[in-house]
């Protein structure tokens, strides 16, 4: 039963990735607009005059593509990992552990995008923490997602019992 719970948890991460990527692409102008607001540093006083502020469309587009594609890749890897895990759910512990690899890589990609993109780049480089309008809502959401995905990855990655689940 525990193995099935782990598979379901991985499927929730896959769902998060697919829904998030779909929404980012469906509302592409909103996605690029949010990235532009962060990179231009225009959402807080004095930010737009900062030396690191940019309205460069290549930077904005690259950030939006990074977000959407990372979610899509994480979703695909988690889905493929969940399918491998499902196929190995009745197998020996070592076989089931090996089946987790794609799922764990998918979770890692999601966390890399969330932490690297939102905390290292948006919060630290573009000082999003200074924005009342975007800092809290954006960074709080990214922290929640990264924290939950990390917890899921830790739980899924735990060593298996030698006996396969019934």
Protein backbone atom coordinates (compact mmCIF):
# COMPACT_ATOMS: atom_id res chain seq x y z
CA UNK A 1 0.00 0.00 0.00
CA UNK A 2 2.86 2.40 0.80
CA UNK A 3 4.26 1.97 -2.69
CA UNK A 4 0.92 2.96 -4.20
CA UNK A 5 0.85 6.06 -2.00
CA UNK A 6 4.32 6.99 -3.28
CA UNK A 7 3.15 6.54 -6.86
CA UNK A 8 0.13 8.75 -6.21
CA UNK A 9 2.32 11.41 -4.64
CA UNK A 10 4.57 11.44 -7.71
CA UNK A 11 1.48 11.73 -9.89
CA UNK A 12 0.45 14.85 -7.95
CA UNK A 13 3.81 16.44 -8.80
CA UNK A 14 3.31 15.43 -12.45
CA UNK A 15 -0.14 17.03 -12.34
CA UNK A 16 1.30 20.21 -10.83
CA UNK A 17 3.85 20.37 -13.64
CA UNK A 18 1.33 19.79 -16.42
CA UNK A 19 -1.30 22.18 -15.04
CA UNK A 20 1.32 24.84 -14.34
CA UNK A 21 2.94 24.58 -17.78
CA UNK A 22 -0.49 24.60 -19.45
CA UNK A 23 -1.53 27.72 -17.54
CA UNK A 24 1.80 29.44 -18.29
CA UNK A 25 1.40 28.78 -22.02
CA UNK A 26 -2.35 29.49 -22.09
CA UNK A 27 -1.74 32.89 -20.48
CA UNK A 28 1.61 33.55 -22.13
CA UNK A 29 1.20 37.33 -21.88
CA UNK A 30 0.57 36.97 -18.14
CA UNK A 31 3.60 34.73 -17.79
CA UNK A 32 5.91 37.08 -19.67
CA UNK A 33 4.31 40.05 -17.91
CA UNK A 34 5.11 38.57 -14.51
CA UNK A 35 8.69 37.85 -15.54
CA UNK A 36 8.97 41.38 -16.98
CA UNK A 37 7.68 42.88 -13.73
CA UNK A 38 10.32 40.96 -11.78
CA UNK A 39 13.23 41.66 -14.16
CA UNK A 40 12.38 45.35 -14.62
CA UNK A 41 12.24 45.74 -10.84
CA UNK A 42 9.46 48.26 -11.42
CA UNK A 43 7.16 46.95 -8.68
CA UNK A 44 9.01 48.74 -5.90
CA UNK A 45 10.36 52.24 -5.44
CA UNK A 46 13.76 52.84 -7.03
CA UNK A 47 13.98 49.36 -8.48
CA UNK A 48 13.70 50.31 -12.13
CA UNK A 49 16.74 52.60 -11.75
CA UNK A 50 18.88 49.77 -10.38
CA UNK A 51 21.81 48.63 -12.52
CA UNK A 52 20.55 45.02 -12.72
CA UNK A 53 16.99 45.94 -13.82
CA UNK A 54 16.24 44.97 -17.41
CA UNK A 55 13.36 45.05 -19.84
CA UNK A 56 15.29 43.00 -22.40
CA UNK A 57 12.73 40.83 -24.22
CA UNK A 58 15.26 38.00 -24.61
CA UNK A 59 15.78 37.84 -20.84
CA UNK A 60 12.03 38.01 -20.23
CA UNK A 61 11.24 35.37 -22.81
CA UNK A 62 14.05 33.11 -21.55
CA UNK A 63 12.70 33.36 -18.01
CA UNK A 64 9.16 32.51 -19.10
CA UNK A 65 10.36 29.58 -21.24
CA UNK A 66 12.49 28.34 -18.33
CA UNK A 67 9.48 28.34 -16.01
CA UNK A 68 7.04 26.66 -18.41
CA UNK A 69 9.50 24.14 -19.83
CA UNK A 70 10.81 23.18 -16.38
CA UNK A 71 7.26 22.44 -15.23
CA UNK A 72 6.57 20.42 -18.38
CA UNK A 73 9.79 18.41 -18.11
CA UNK A 74 9.24 17.81 -14.39
CA UNK A 75 5.69 16.66 -15.14
CA UNK A 76 6.81 14.30 -17.91
CA UNK A 77 9.61 12.79 -15.82
CA UNK A 78 7.30 12.33 -12.83
CA UNK A 79 4.65 10.69 -15.03
CA UNK A 80 7.21 8.36 -16.61
CA UNK A 81 8.63 7.64 -13.16
CA UNK A 82 5.18 6.88 -11.74
CA UNK A 83 4.54 4.46 -14.62
CA UNK A 84 7.85 2.71 -13.96
CA UNK A 85 7.07 2.61 -10.25
CA UNK A 86 3.63 1.15 -11.00
CA UNK A 87 5.23 -1.58 -13.10
CA UNK A 88 7.67 -2.39 -10.29
CA UNK A 89 5.23 -2.10 -7.38
CA UNK A 90 5.13 -5.89 -6.81
CA UNK A 91 8.86 -6.39 -7.38
CA UNK A 92 11.76 -6.59 -4.96
CA UNK A 93 12.80 -3.49 -3.05
CA UNK A 94 15.86 -2.87 -5.23
CA UNK A 95 13.75 -3.00 -8.40
CA UNK A 96 11.19 -0.56 -7.00
CA UNK A 97 13.97 1.74 -5.77
CA UNK A 98 15.49 1.80 -9.26
CA UNK A 99 12.07 2.59 -10.77
CA UNK A 100 11.93 5.81 -8.72
CA UNK A 101 14.83 7.49 -10.51
CA UNK A 102 12.86 9.39 -13.18
CA UNK A 103 10.29 10.53 -10.62
CA UNK A 104 12.99 11.85 -8.31
CA UNK A 105 14.75 13.62 -11.19
CA UNK A 106 11.41 15.21 -12.12
CA UNK A 107 10.95 16.43 -8.56
CA UNK A 108 14.51 17.76 -8.57
CA UNK A 109 13.95 19.71 -11.79
CA UNK A 110 10.83 21.29 -10.30
CA UNK A 111 12.73 22.31 -7.16
CA UNK A 112 15.68 23.61 -9.20
CA UNK A 113 13.30 25.81 -11.22
CA UNK A 114 11.46 27.02 -8.13
CA UNK A 115 14.52 27.66 -5.99
CA UNK A 116 16.88 28.75 -8.76
CA UNK A 117 14.34 30.76 -10.71
CA UNK A 118 12.30 32.32 -7.96
CA UNK A 119 14.70 32.61 -5.03
CA UNK A 120 18.14 32.93 -6.60
CA UNK A 121 17.20 34.92 -9.70
CA UNK A 122 13.93 36.75 -8.94
CA UNK A 123 14.32 37.30 -5.20
CA UNK A 124 18.07 37.73 -4.86
CA UNK A 125 19.24 39.12 -8.21
CA UNK A 126 16.15 41.16 -9.11
CA UNK A 127 15.33 41.90 -5.45
CA UNK A 128 11.71 40.72 -5.67
CA UNK A 129 11.65 40.60 -1.88
CA UNK A 130 11.35 44.40 -1.95
CA UNK A 131 8.04 44.28 -3.86
CA UNK A 132 4.90 44.32 -1.71
CA UNK A 133 2.72 43.41 -4.67
CA UNK A 134 4.74 40.49 -5.98
CA UNK A 135 7.21 39.48 -3.30
CA UNK A 136 4.87 37.83 -0.85
CA UNK A 137 2.38 36.18 -3.21
CA UNK A 138 4.96 34.96 -5.73
CA UNK A 139 7.69 33.90 -3.34
CA UNK A 140 5.29 32.36 -0.82
CA UNK A 141 3.76 30.21 -3.56
CA UNK A 142 7.16 29.17 -4.88
CA UNK A 143 8.26 28.26 -1.35
CA UNK A 144 5.12 26.18 -0.77
CA UNK A 145 5.54 24.31 -4.04
CA UNK A 146 9.26 23.72 -3.54
CA UNK A 147 8.72 22.60 0.05
CA UNK A 148 5.92 20.18 -0.79
CA UNK A 149 7.72 18.73 -3.80
CA UNK A 150 10.86 18.31 -1.69
CA UNK A 151 8.88 16.52 1.03
CA UNK A 152 7.30 14.26 -1.57
CA UNK A 153 10.71 13.48 -3.06
CA UNK A 154 12.15 12.66 0.37
CA UNK A 155 9.22 10.37 1.17
CA UNK A 156 9.28 8.69 -2.25
CA UNK A 157 13.05 8.30 -2.09
CA UNK A 158 12.99 6.51 1.26
CA UNK A 159 14.42 3.03 1.28
CA UNK A 160 11.92 0.27 0.59
CA UNK A 161 11.04 -2.72 2.71
CA UNK A 162 12.44 -5.93 1.29
CA UNK A 163 8.97 -7.43 0.88
CA UNK A 164 6.88 -6.05 -1.98
CA UNK A 165 3.59 -4.45 -0.96
CA UNK A 166 0.50 -6.55 -1.45
